[in-house]
Amino acid sequence: MGISAKNGALCLAFVTIATIAAVPASADEIRLKDGKKLYGVIVAYEDNMFKVKTDYGYVLVEKDKIAAIVPNTPAGQPADAKPAAQPAKNESPATNSTSATEVSAKNKIANANVKPTVPSSSTTASVAAPNFKTAAPAANGSIAANAIPPTPPKDEPPPNKEEIQGNQYTNFTHGFRMYKAPSWELIEDARKALPNAIVALGTSNESTLMVVGEEKTKEPLEAAAAGVEKRLREIYSNYRLISQRKTTVGGMPAVEYKYRGMADDHDWSGTLVVIARGKDVLTALGMTFADSDLIQIQENVIARSISSLDFSARN
């Protein structure tokens, strides 16, 4: 299940916190409202358009044309292709006098590598599923079309044990708690939309957002933080870095960036904190409308939420 792209602000935050990993993410499935699908990785957002990196180059997609963004885990595809090609090795030790027939059989098997079905030879029928043993060789084509195994279930993020008590959000799975403003709501589909997003909190109109993410990385804190801040420069137009400093959050070393920039037809004021936590890097991104009379109040709320991070929460 993906998260709706009706508001680019939340997608903007997700794109930012998804950039810590040194290894590129697998292609996401981007579902368009006209029924078409696009596979790629969102690398930037500007002027109401997502920049998507595909196998064929970069594609710009208007935000309003996107129905949903669904993470893709094509881990089972390579495994499916190998068993289909394996029978060709088993049939090759046949006598040399059958070379013409053998070449034809190999071609048929090679062309079936996208259909993980059982070949018609008697040697492979013995290891096939029981419901294929009685199938006539002549009907192999129709069986292949109807017997494609179901798509393996996509990896779901681990259960997120969390609770909200008053103005405090606690995440027992990842071991932290933080201040939650009374006007903030829990955005339920955040982790399904992006696996490394732990939690997203914000106002109902998403004019103020707080997104916390976690990523395993081999890079030192300064390098990881610089990589995330670089993505901010790419995502926002008229990006301005207001301040940068080393600090501590919840007793952990961190790098803090404060910035301003234009995105999704709004001027945003944001605070990004990248925190070193053992072998993992935690990101806390708070952002609010800068073109609002409430900017100072919301900036103070974001600062309070980040400074309240406590990593002693346990089950």
C-alpha atoms as a PDB file:
ATOM      1  CA  MET A   1       0.000   0.000   0.000  1.00  0.00           C
ATOM      2  CA  GLY A   2       1.474   3.347  -0.992  1.00  0.00           C
ATOM      3  CA  ILE A   3       0.987   6.806   0.360  1.00  0.00           C
ATOM      4  CA  SER A   4      -0.999   9.305  -1.663  1.00  0.00           C
ATOM      5  CA  ALA A   5       1.008  11.929  -3.491  1.00  0.00           C
ATOM      6  CA  LYS A   6      -1.728  14.541  -3.208  1.00  0.00           C
ATOM      7  CA  ASN A   7       0.540  16.684  -1.010  1.00  0.00           C
ATOM      8  CA  GLY A   8       4.137  16.996  -2.103  1.00  0.00           C
ATOM      9  CA  ALA A   9       5.318  18.191   1.315  1.00  0.00           C
ATOM     10  CA  LEU A  10       5.354  14.727   2.870  1.00  0.00           C
ATOM     11  CA  CYS A  11       6.946  13.203  -0.238  1.00  0.00           C
ATOM     12  CA  LEU A  12       9.519  15.985  -0.081  1.00  0.00           C
ATOM     13  CA  ALA A  13      10.469  15.001   3.457  1.00  0.00           C
ATOM     14  CA  PHE A  14      10.660  11.316   2.496  1.00  0.00           C
ATOM     15  CA  VAL A  15      12.941  12.044  -0.474  1.00  0.00           C
ATOM     16  CA  THR A  16      15.279  13.928   1.859  1.00  0.00           C
ATOM     17  CA  ILE A  17      15.653  11.263   4.554  1.00  0.00           C
ATOM     18  CA  ALA A  18      15.995   8.491   1.967  1.00  0.00           C
ATOM     19  CA  THR A  19      19.424   9.641   0.810  1.00  0.00           C
ATOM     20  CA  ILE A  20      21.728   8.438   3.575  1.00  0.00           C
ATOM     21  CA  ALA A  21      22.357   4.932   2.243  1.00  0.00           C
ATOM     22  CA  ALA A  22      25.483   4.599   0.124  1.00  0.00           C
ATOM     23  CA  VAL A  23      23.865   1.859  -1.975  1.00  0.00           C
ATOM     24  CA  PRO A  24      21.087   3.099  -4.302  1.00  0.00           C
ATOM     25  CA  ALA A  25      17.599   1.969  -3.354  1.00  0.00           C
ATOM     26  CA  SER A  26      15.667  -0.485  -5.491  1.00  0.00           C
ATOM     27  CA  ALA A  27      13.272   1.043  -7.966  1.00  0.00           C
ATOM     28  CA  ASP A  28       9.926   2.160  -6.574  1.00  0.00           C
ATOM     29  CA  GLU A  29       6.629   1.651  -8.360  1.00  0.00           C
ATOM     30  CA  ILE A  30       5.061   5.006  -9.174  1.00  0.00           C
ATOM     31  CA  ARG A  31       1.389   4.619 -10.049  1.00  0.00           C
ATOM     32  CA  LEU A  32      -0.079   7.327 -12.245  1.00  0.00           C
ATOM     33  CA  LYS A  33      -3.718   8.372 -12.209  1.00  0.00           C
ATOM     34  CA  ASP A  34      -4.191   7.283 -15.837  1.00  0.00           C
ATOM     35  CA  GLY A  35      -3.379   3.680 -14.877  1.00  0.00           C
ATOM     36  CA  LYS A  36       0.215   3.649 -16.104  1.00  0.00           C
ATOM     37  CA  LYS A  37       3.135   2.626 -13.911  1.00  0.00           C
ATOM     38  CA  LEU A  38       6.671   3.981 -13.759  1.00  0.00           C
ATOM     39  CA  TYR A  39       9.606   2.268 -12.087  1.00  0.00           C
ATOM     40  CA  GLY A  40      12.483   4.312 -10.722  1.00  0.00           C
ATOM     41  CA  VAL A  41      13.902   6.210  -7.755  1.00  0.00           C
ATOM     42  CA  ILE A  42      12.705   9.717  -6.881  1.00  0.00           C
ATOM     43  CA  VAL A  43      15.826  11.876  -6.592  1.00  0.00           C
ATOM     44  CA  ALA A  44      14.435  15.419  -6.493  1.00  0.00           C
ATOM     45  CA  TYR A  45      11.297  17.532  -6.262  1.00  0.00           C
ATOM     46  CA  GLU A  46      10.957  20.995  -7.788  1.00  0.00           C
ATOM     47  CA  ASP A  47       8.208  23.144  -9.302  1.00  0.00           C
ATOM     48  CA  ASN A  48       5.515  20.566  -8.446  1.00  0.00           C
ATOM     49  CA  MET A  49       7.422  17.884 -10.375  1.00  0.00           C
ATOM     50  CA  PHE A  50       9.250  14.760  -9.206  1.00  0.00           C
ATOM     51  CA  LYS A  51      12.547  13.886 -10.876  1.00  0.00           C
ATOM     52  CA  VAL A  52      12.660  10.092 -11.242  1.00  0.00           C
ATOM     53  CA  LYS A  53      15.814   8.158 -12.133  1.00  0.00           C
ATOM     54  CA  THR A  54      14.927   5.156 -14.311  1.00  0.00           C
ATOM     55  CA  ASP A  55      16.976   2.583 -16.204  1.00  0.00           C
ATOM     56  CA  TYR A  56      16.592   4.752 -19.300  1.00  0.00           C
ATOM     57  CA  GLY A  57      17.464   8.135 -17.801  1.00  0.00           C
ATOM     58  CA  TYR A  58      15.681  10.825 -15.820  1.00  0.00           C
ATOM     59  CA  VAL A  59      11.947  11.482 -16.100  1.00  0.00           C
ATOM     60  CA  LEU A  60       9.979  14.468 -14.784  1.00  0.00           C
ATOM     61  CA  VAL A  61       6.512  13.639 -13.447  1.00  0.00           C
ATOM     62  CA  GLU A  62       3.971  16.194 -12.314  1.00  0.00           C
ATOM     63  CA  LYS A  63       2.876  15.717  -8.695  1.00  0.00           C
ATOM     64  CA  ASP A  64      -0.814  15.874  -9.609  1.00  0.00           C
ATOM     65  CA  LYS A  65      -0.410  12.984 -12.078  1.00  0.00           C
ATOM     66  CA  ILE A  66       0.780  10.564  -9.350  1.00  0.00           C
ATOM     67  CA  ALA A  67      -1.794   8.413  -7.581  1.00  0.00           C
ATOM     68  CA  ALA A  68       0.560   6.555  -5.225  1.00  0.00           C
ATOM     69  CA  ILE A  69       4.197   5.608  -4.641  1.00  0.00           C
ATOM     70  CA  VAL A  70       4.825   1.971  -3.681  1.00  0.00           C
ATOM     71  CA  PRO A  71       8.274   0.612  -2.670  1.00  0.00           C
ATOM     72  CA  ASN A  72       9.335  -2.243  -4.926  1.00  0.00           C
ATOM     73  CA  THR A  73      11.255  -5.315  -3.687  1.00  0.00           C
ATOM     74  CA  PRO A  74      12.151  -7.367  -6.763  1.00  0.00           C
ATOM     75  CA  ALA A  75      14.290  -9.721  -4.749  1.00  0.00           C
ATOM     76  CA  GLY A  76      12.602 -12.837  -6.143  1.00  0.00           C
ATOM     77  CA  GLN A  77      13.142 -12.099  -9.836  1.00  0.00           C
ATOM     78  CA  PRO A  78      16.746 -13.306 -10.231  1.00  0.00           C
ATOM     79  CA  ALA A  79      15.935 -16.493  -8.344  1.00  0.00           C
ATOM     80  CA  ASP A  80      12.994 -17.244 -10.644  1.00  0.00           C
ATOM     81  CA  ALA A  81      15.076 -16.881 -13.775  1.00  0.00           C
ATOM     82  CA  LYS A  82      17.745 -19.399 -12.791  1.00  0.00           C
ATOM     83  CA  PRO A  83      15.573 -22.530 -12.336  1.00  0.00           C
ATOM     84  CA  ALA A  84      13.947 -21.950 -15.728  1.00  0.00           C
ATOM     85  CA  ALA A  85      17.311 -21.995 -17.468  1.00  0.00           C
ATOM     86  CA  GLN A  86      18.661 -24.979 -15.480  1.00  0.00           C
ATOM     87  CA  PRO A  87      16.938 -27.789 -17.478  1.00  0.00           C
ATOM     88  CA  ALA A  88      19.012 -26.825 -20.519  1.00  0.00           C
ATOM     89  CA  LYS A  89      22.107 -28.094 -18.688  1.00  0.00           C
ATOM     90  CA  ASN A  90      20.421 -31.382 -17.814  1.00  0.00           C
ATOM     91  CA  GLU A  91      19.382 -32.098 -21.405  1.00  0.00           C
ATOM     92  CA  SER A  92      22.735 -31.173 -22.976  1.00  0.00           C
ATOM     93  CA  PRO A  93      24.514 -34.521 -22.237  1.00  0.00           C
ATOM     94  CA  ALA A  94      22.317 -36.247 -24.856  1.00  0.00           C
ATOM     95  CA  THR A  95      23.953 -38.054 -27.826  1.00  0.00           C
ATOM     96  CA  ASN A  96      25.747 -35.938 -30.417  1.00  0.00           C
ATOM     97  CA  SER A  97      23.488 -37.276 -33.190  1.00  0.00           C
ATOM     98  CA  THR A  98      20.541 -35.271 -31.868  1.00  0.00           C
ATOM     99  CA  SER A  99      22.205 -31.878 -32.264  1.00  0.00           C
ATOM    100  CA  ALA A 100      19.435 -30.317 -34.386  1.00  0.00           C
ATOM    101  CA  THR A 101      16.690 -31.407 -32.012  1.00  0.00           C
ATOM    102  CA  GLU A 102      18.801 -30.398 -29.043  1.00  0.00           C
ATOM    103  CA  VAL A 103      19.369 -26.868 -30.361  1.00  0.00           C
ATOM    104  CA  SER A 104      15.639 -26.470 -30.918  1.00  0.00           C
ATOM    105  CA  ALA A 105      14.881 -27.643 -27.385  1.00  0.00           C
ATOM    106  CA  LYS A 106      17.464 -25.293 -25.925  1.00  0.00           C
ATOM    107  CA  ASN A 107      16.007 -22.351 -27.776  1.00  0.00           C
ATOM    108  CA  LYS A 108      12.549 -23.130 -26.436  1.00  0.00           C
ATOM    109  CA  ILE A 109      13.842 -23.409 -22.900  1.00  0.00           C
ATOM    110  CA  ALA A 110      15.920 -20.244 -23.173  1.00  0.00           C
ATOM    111  CA  ASN A 111      12.914 -18.328 -24.419  1.00  0.00           C
ATOM    112  CA  ALA A 112      10.899 -19.514 -21.421  1.00  0.00           C
ATOM    113  CA  ASN A 113      13.149 -17.918 -18.844  1.00  0.00           C
ATOM    114  CA  VAL A 114      10.492 -15.399 -18.038  1.00  0.00           C
ATOM    115  CA  LYS A 115       7.916 -18.148 -17.485  1.00  0.00           C
ATOM    116  CA  PRO A 116       9.041 -20.226 -14.504  1.00  0.00           C
ATOM    117  CA  THR A 117       7.074 -23.294 -15.661  1.00  0.00           C
ATOM    118  CA  VAL A 118       7.874 -26.970 -16.049  1.00  0.00           C
ATOM    119  CA  PRO A 119       9.389 -28.085 -19.413  1.00  0.00           C
ATOM    120  CA  SER A 120       7.663 -30.933 -21.242  1.00  0.00           C
ATOM    121  CA  SER A 121      10.545 -33.418 -20.888  1.00  0.00           C
ATOM    122  CA  SER A 122       9.967 -36.521 -18.804  1.00  0.00           C
ATOM    123  CA  THR A 123      13.120 -35.947 -16.742  1.00  0.00           C
ATOM    124  CA  THR A 124      11.910 -32.672 -15.284  1.00  0.00           C
ATOM    125  CA  ALA A 125       8.288 -33.775 -14.860  1.00  0.00           C
ATOM    126  CA  SER A 126       9.323 -35.964 -11.920  1.00  0.00           C
ATOM    127  CA  VAL A 127      10.338 -32.942  -9.853  1.00  0.00           C
ATOM    128  CA  ALA A 128       7.420 -30.758 -10.850  1.00  0.00           C
ATOM    129  CA  ALA A 129       4.496 -29.929  -8.617  1.00  0.00           C
ATOM    130  CA  PRO A 130       1.885 -32.758  -8.501  1.00  0.00           C
ATOM    131  CA  ASN A 131      -0.721 -30.797 -10.445  1.00  0.00           C
ATOM    132  CA  PHE A 132       1.596 -30.648 -13.470  1.00  0.00           C
ATOM    133  CA  LYS A 133       2.388 -34.392 -13.772  1.00  0.00           C
ATOM    134  CA  THR A 134      -0.716 -35.307 -15.730  1.00  0.00           C
ATOM    135  CA  ALA A 135      -0.500 -32.388 -18.150  1.00  0.00           C
ATOM    136  CA  ALA A 136      -0.089 -33.390 -21.785  1.00  0.00           C
ATOM    137  CA  PRO A 137       3.026 -32.007 -23.532  1.00  0.00           C
ATOM    138  CA  ALA A 138       0.864 -30.417 -26.231  1.00  0.00           C
ATOM    139  CA  ALA A 139      -0.896 -28.312 -23.626  1.00  0.00           C
ATOM    140  CA  ASN A 140       2.350 -26.956 -22.202  1.00  0.00           C
ATOM    141  CA  GLY A 141       1.829 -23.507 -23.696  1.00  0.00           C
ATOM    142  CA  SER A 142      -1.562 -22.987 -22.094  1.00  0.00           C
ATOM    143  CA  ILE A 143      -0.344 -24.355 -18.760  1.00  0.00           C
ATOM    144  CA  ALA A 144       2.595 -21.967 -18.852  1.00  0.00           C
ATOM    145  CA  ALA A 145       0.254 -19.042 -19.312  1.00  0.00           C
ATOM    146  CA  ASN A 146      -2.051 -20.075 -16.476  1.00  0.00           C
ATOM    147  CA  ALA A 147       0.416 -21.576 -14.000  1.00  0.00           C
ATOM    148  CA  ILE A 148       2.682 -18.578 -13.381  1.00  0.00           C
ATOM    149  CA  PRO A 149       3.306 -18.612  -9.624  1.00  0.00           C
ATOM    150  CA  PRO A 150       1.955 -15.681  -7.614  1.00  0.00           C
ATOM    151  CA  THR A 151       4.231 -12.730  -7.011  1.00  0.00           C
ATOM    152  CA  PRO A 152       6.174 -13.184  -3.758  1.00  0.00           C
ATOM    153  CA  PRO A 153       4.820 -10.955  -1.007  1.00  0.00           C
ATOM    154  CA  LYS A 154       6.680  -7.701  -0.657  1.00  0.00           C
ATOM    155  CA  ASP A 155       8.806  -7.181   2.413  1.00  0.00           C
ATOM    156  CA  GLU A 156       6.829  -5.281   4.995  1.00  0.00           C
ATOM    157  CA  PRO A 157       8.630  -3.088   7.519  1.00  0.00           C
ATOM    158  CA  PRO A 158       8.965  -4.712  10.949  1.00  0.00           C
ATOM    159  CA  PRO A 159       6.139  -4.040  13.395  1.00  0.00           C
ATOM    160  CA  ASN A 160       6.461  -0.556  14.829  1.00  0.00           C
ATOM    161  CA  LYS A 161       5.575  -0.701  18.500  1.00  0.00           C
ATOM    162  CA  GLU A 162       4.698   2.857  19.402  1.00  0.00           C
ATOM    163  CA  GLU A 163       2.356   4.836  21.603  1.00  0.00           C
ATOM    164  CA  ILE A 164       1.190   8.383  22.182  1.00  0.00           C
ATOM    165  CA  GLN A 165       0.454   9.553  25.708  1.00  0.00           C
ATOM    166  CA  GLY A 166      -0.577  13.168  25.922  1.00  0.00           C
ATOM    167  CA  ASN A 167       2.167  15.225  24.295  1.00  0.00           C
ATOM    168  CA  GLN A 168       4.734  12.426  24.173  1.00  0.00           C
ATOM    169  CA  TYR A 169       5.432  10.022  21.319  1.00  0.00           C
ATOM    170  CA  THR A 170       7.319   6.827  22.214  1.00  0.00           C
ATOM    171  CA  ASN A 171       8.727   4.284  19.772  1.00  0.00           C
ATOM    172  CA  PHE A 172       9.717   1.074  21.562  1.00  0.00           C
ATOM    173  CA  THR A 173      10.913  -0.665  18.396  1.00  0.00           C
ATOM    174  CA  HIS A 174      13.614   1.928  17.739  1.00  0.00           C
ATOM    175  CA  GLY A 175      14.069   2.957  21.366  1.00  0.00           C
ATOM    176  CA  PHE A 176      13.309   6.666  21.517  1.00  0.00           C
ATOM    177  CA  ARG A 177      10.695   9.154  22.692  1.00  0.00           C
ATOM    178  CA  MET A 178      10.054  12.763  21.763  1.00  0.00           C
ATOM    179  CA  TYR A 179       7.712  15.683  22.316  1.00  0.00           C
ATOM    180  CA  LYS A 180       4.583  15.739  20.149  1.00  0.00           C
ATOM    181  CA  ALA A 181       2.769  19.027  19.742  1.00  0.00           C
ATOM    182  CA  PRO A 182      -0.969  18.873  20.567  1.00  0.00           C
ATOM    183  CA  SER A 183      -1.868  19.801  16.978  1.00  0.00           C
ATOM    184  CA  TRP A 184       0.296  17.056  15.442  1.00  0.00           C
ATOM    185  CA  GLU A 185      -1.231  13.836  14.177  1.00  0.00           C
ATOM    186  CA  LEU A 186       0.394  10.495  13.429  1.00  0.00           C
ATOM    187  CA  ILE A 187       0.651   9.925   9.655  1.00  0.00           C
ATOM    188  CA  GLU A 188      -0.113   6.205   9.541  1.00  0.00           C
ATOM    189  CA  ASP A 189       1.218   5.271   6.078  1.00  0.00           C
ATOM    190  CA  ALA A 190       4.630   6.886   6.485  1.00  0.00           C
ATOM    191  CA  ARG A 191       6.610   3.675   7.039  1.00  0.00           C
ATOM    192  CA  LYS A 192       4.837   1.826   4.229  1.00  0.00           C
ATOM    193  CA  ALA A 193       5.706   4.589   1.806  1.00  0.00           C
ATOM    194  CA  LEU A 194       9.370   4.558   2.772  1.00  0.00           C
ATOM    195  CA  PRO A 195      10.833   1.680   4.805  1.00  0.00           C
ATOM    196  CA  ASN A 196      13.508   3.785   6.543  1.00  0.00           C
ATOM    197  CA  ALA A 197      10.930   6.317   7.750  1.00  0.00           C
ATOM    198  CA  ILE A 198      10.251   5.483  11.384  1.00  0.00           C
ATOM    199  CA  VAL A 199       7.502   7.996  12.033  1.00  0.00           C
ATOM    200  CA  ALA A 200       5.908  11.073  10.503  1.00  0.00           C
ATOM    201  CA  LEU A 201       3.997  13.566  12.607  1.00  0.00           C
ATOM    202  CA  GLY A 202       2.369  16.776  11.480  1.00  0.00           C
ATOM    203  CA  THR A 203      -0.614  19.059  11.286  1.00  0.00           C
ATOM    204  CA  SER A 204      -3.703  17.901   9.416  1.00  0.00           C
ATOM    205  CA  ASN A 205      -2.954  20.178   6.448  1.00  0.00           C
ATOM    206  CA  GLU A 206       0.742  19.155   6.524  1.00  0.00           C
ATOM    207  CA  SER A 207       1.877  22.764   6.856  1.00  0.00           C
ATOM    208  CA  THR A 208       4.187  21.557   9.628  1.00  0.00           C
ATOM    209  CA  LEU A 209       5.892  18.158   9.510  1.00  0.00           C
ATOM    210  CA  MET A 210       8.317  16.169  11.625  1.00  0.00           C
ATOM    211  CA  VAL A 211       9.771  13.046  10.010  1.00  0.00           C
ATOM    212  CA  VAL A 212      12.223  10.714  11.760  1.00  0.00           C
ATOM    213  CA  GLY A 213      14.169   8.136   9.765  1.00  0.00           C
ATOM    214  CA  GLU A 214      16.920   5.599  10.403  1.00  0.00           C
ATOM    215  CA  GLU A 215      19.529   4.169   8.049  1.00  0.00           C
ATOM    216  CA  LYS A 216      22.519   1.868   8.351  1.00  0.00           C
ATOM    217  CA  THR A 217      25.642   3.424   6.828  1.00  0.00           C
ATOM    218  CA  LYS A 218      29.397   2.932   6.900  1.00  0.00           C
ATOM    219  CA  GLU A 219      30.036   6.648   6.485  1.00  0.00           C
ATOM    220  CA  PRO A 220      31.124   8.814   9.428  1.00  0.00           C
ATOM    221  CA  LEU A 221      28.619  11.288  10.818  1.00  0.00           C
ATOM    222  CA  GLU A 222      29.999  14.337   9.007  1.00  0.00           C
ATOM    223  CA  ALA A 223      29.949  12.616   5.603  1.00  0.00           C
ATOM    224  CA  ALA A 224      26.450  11.209   6.113  1.00  0.00           C
ATOM    225  CA  ALA A 225      25.145  14.596   7.231  1.00  0.00           C
ATOM    226  CA  ALA A 226      26.751  16.361   4.268  1.00  0.00           C
ATOM    227  CA  GLY A 227      25.070  13.893   1.909  1.00  0.00           C
ATOM    228  CA  VAL A 228      21.626  14.640   3.317  1.00  0.00           C
ATOM    229  CA  GLU A 229      22.204  18.404   3.269  1.00  0.00           C
ATOM    230  CA  LYS A 230      23.337  18.158  -0.351  1.00  0.00           C
ATOM    231  CA  ARG A 231      20.000  16.578  -1.234  1.00  0.00           C
ATOM    232  CA  LEU A 232      18.230  19.530   0.382  1.00  0.00           C
ATOM    233  CA  ARG A 233      20.053  21.815  -2.042  1.00  0.00           C
ATOM    234  CA  GLU A 234      18.841  19.689  -4.959  1.00  0.00           C
ATOM    235  CA  ILE A 235      15.226  19.457  -3.821  1.00  0.00           C
ATOM    236  CA  TYR A 236      14.511  23.065  -2.889  1.00  0.00           C
ATOM    237  CA  SER A 237      14.649  26.024  -5.217  1.00  0.00           C
ATOM    238  CA  ASN A 238      16.192  29.189  -3.802  1.00  0.00           C
ATOM    239  CA  TYR A 239      17.773  27.058  -1.065  1.00  0.00           C
ATOM    240  CA  ARG A 240      19.528  29.063   1.667  1.00  0.00           C
ATOM    241  CA  LEU A 241      21.565  27.509   4.449  1.00  0.00           C
ATOM    242  CA  ILE A 242      20.928  29.636   7.536  1.00  0.00           C
ATOM    243  CA  SER A 243      23.229  27.865   9.990  1.00  0.00           C
ATOM    244  CA  GLN A 244      25.230  24.686  10.525  1.00  0.00           C
ATOM    245  CA  ARG A 245      26.673  23.385  13.764  1.00  0.00           C
ATOM    246  CA  LYS A 246      27.825  20.294  15.604  1.00  0.00           C
ATOM    247  CA  THR A 247      25.712  19.477  18.615  1.00  0.00           C
ATOM    248  CA  THR A 248      24.402  16.621  20.741  1.00  0.00           C
ATOM    249  CA  VAL A 249      20.866  15.258  20.761  1.00  0.00           C
ATOM    250  CA  GLY A 250      19.826  12.834  23.482  1.00  0.00           C
ATOM    251  CA  GLY A 251      23.497  12.460  24.416  1.00  0.00           C
ATOM    252  CA  MET A 252      24.440  11.442  20.851  1.00  0.00           C
ATOM    253  CA  PRO A 253      26.736  13.444  18.519  1.00  0.00           C
ATOM    254  CA  ALA A 254      24.813  15.235  15.786  1.00  0.00           C
ATOM    255  CA  VAL A 255      25.040  17.830  13.025  1.00  0.00           C
ATOM    256  CA  GLU A 256      22.271  20.416  12.750  1.00  0.00           C
ATOM    257  CA  TYR A 257      21.289  22.406   9.657  1.00  0.00           C
ATOM    258  CA  LYS A 258      18.751  25.233   9.516  1.00  0.00           C
ATOM    259  CA  TYR A 259      17.613  26.326   6.082  1.00  0.00           C
ATOM    260  CA  ARG A 260      14.987  28.058   3.958  1.00  0.00           C
ATOM    261  CA  GLY A 261      13.795  27.068   0.496  1.00  0.00           C
ATOM    262  CA  MET A 262      10.915  26.969  -1.975  1.00  0.00           C
ATOM    263  CA  ALA A 263       9.022  23.739  -2.722  1.00  0.00           C
ATOM    264  CA  ASP A 264       5.431  22.727  -3.384  1.00  0.00           C
ATOM    265  CA  ASP A 265       4.471  26.381  -3.960  1.00  0.00           C
ATOM    266  CA  HIS A 266       5.554  27.384  -0.451  1.00  0.00           C
ATOM    267  CA  ASP A 267       8.534  28.932   1.245  1.00  0.00           C
ATOM    268  CA  TRP A 268       9.694  26.446   3.882  1.00  0.00           C
ATOM    269  CA  SER A 269      11.689  26.881   7.059  1.00  0.00           C
ATOM    270  CA  GLY A 270      13.402  23.651   8.017  1.00  0.00           C
ATOM    271  CA  THR A 271      15.654  22.092  10.618  1.00  0.00           C
ATOM    272  CA  LEU A 272      17.575  18.928   9.764  1.00  0.00           C
ATOM    273  CA  VAL A 273      19.461  17.018  12.453  1.00  0.00           C
ATOM    274  CA  VAL A 274      21.594  13.992  11.563  1.00  0.00           C
ATOM    275  CA  ILE A 275      22.420  11.904  14.637  1.00  0.00           C
ATOM    276  CA  ALA A 276      25.061   9.184  15.037  1.00  0.00           C
ATOM    277  CA  ARG A 277      23.596   6.296  17.003  1.00  0.00           C
ATOM    278  CA  GLY A 278      25.962   3.355  17.102  1.00  0.00           C
ATOM    279  CA  LYS A 279      26.235   1.892  13.590  1.00  0.00           C
ATOM    280  CA  ASP A 280      23.081   3.657  12.484  1.00  0.00           C
ATOM    281  CA  VAL A 281      22.335   7.233  11.530  1.00  0.00           C
ATOM    282  CA  LEU A 282      19.094   8.824  12.678  1.00  0.00           C
ATOM    283  CA  THR A 283      17.595  11.820  10.880  1.00  0.00           C
ATOM    284  CA  ALA A 284      15.056  14.248  12.282  1.00  0.00           C
ATOM    285  CA  LEU A 285      13.613  16.657   9.728  1.00  0.00           C
ATOM    286  CA  GLY A 286      11.222  19.363  10.879  1.00  0.00           C
ATOM    287  CA  MET A 287       9.726  21.771   8.346  1.00  0.00           C
ATOM    288  CA  THR A 288       7.016  24.413   8.396  1.00  0.00           C
ATOM    289  CA  PHE A 289       5.548  27.091   6.160  1.00  0.00           C
ATOM    290  CA  ALA A 290       7.798  30.158   6.261  1.00  0.00           C
ATOM    291  CA  ASP A 291       5.101  32.247   4.591  1.00  0.00           C
ATOM    292  CA  SER A 292       2.819  31.937   7.624  1.00  0.00           C
ATOM    293  CA  ASP A 293       2.254  34.239  10.581  1.00  0.00           C
ATOM    294  CA  LEU A 294       2.840  31.220  12.828  1.00  0.00           C
ATOM    295  CA  ILE A 295       6.390  30.572  11.621  1.00  0.00           C
ATOM    296  CA  GLN A 296       8.140  31.518  14.872  1.00  0.00           C
ATOM    297  CA  ILE A 297       5.741  29.459  16.954  1.00  0.00           C
ATOM    298  CA  GLN A 298       6.118  26.411  14.705  1.00  0.00           C
ATOM    299  CA  GLU A 299       9.920  26.774  14.574  1.00  0.00           C
ATOM    300  CA  ASN A 300       9.970  26.754  18.383  1.00  0.00           C
ATOM    301  CA  VAL A 301       7.750  23.664  18.445  1.00  0.00           C
ATOM    302  CA  ILE A 302      10.079  21.859  16.013  1.00  0.00           C
ATOM    303  CA  ALA A 303      13.130  22.843  18.075  1.00  0.00           C
ATOM    304  CA  ARG A 304      11.460  21.568  21.239  1.00  0.00           C
ATOM    305  CA  SER A 305      10.551  18.261  19.599  1.00  0.00           C
ATOM    306  CA  ILE A 306      14.096  17.646  18.338  1.00  0.00           C
ATOM    307  CA  SER A 307      15.775  18.648  21.608  1.00  0.00           C
ATOM    308  CA  SER A 308      13.422  16.338  23.532  1.00  0.00           C
ATOM    309  CA  LEU A 309      14.666  13.192  21.760  1.00  0.00           C
ATOM    310  CA  ASP A 310      15.482  10.595  24.406  1.00  0.00           C
ATOM    311  CA  PHE A 311      17.002   7.260  23.414  1.00  0.00           C
ATOM    312  CA  SER A 312      16.301   5.382  26.637  1.00  0.00           C
ATOM    313  CA  ALA A 313      12.862   4.048  25.676  1.00  0.00           C
ATOM    314  CA  ARG A 314      12.639   0.262  25.990  1.00  0.00           C
ATOM    315  CA  ASN A 315       9.900  -2.363  25.787  1.00  0.00           C
END
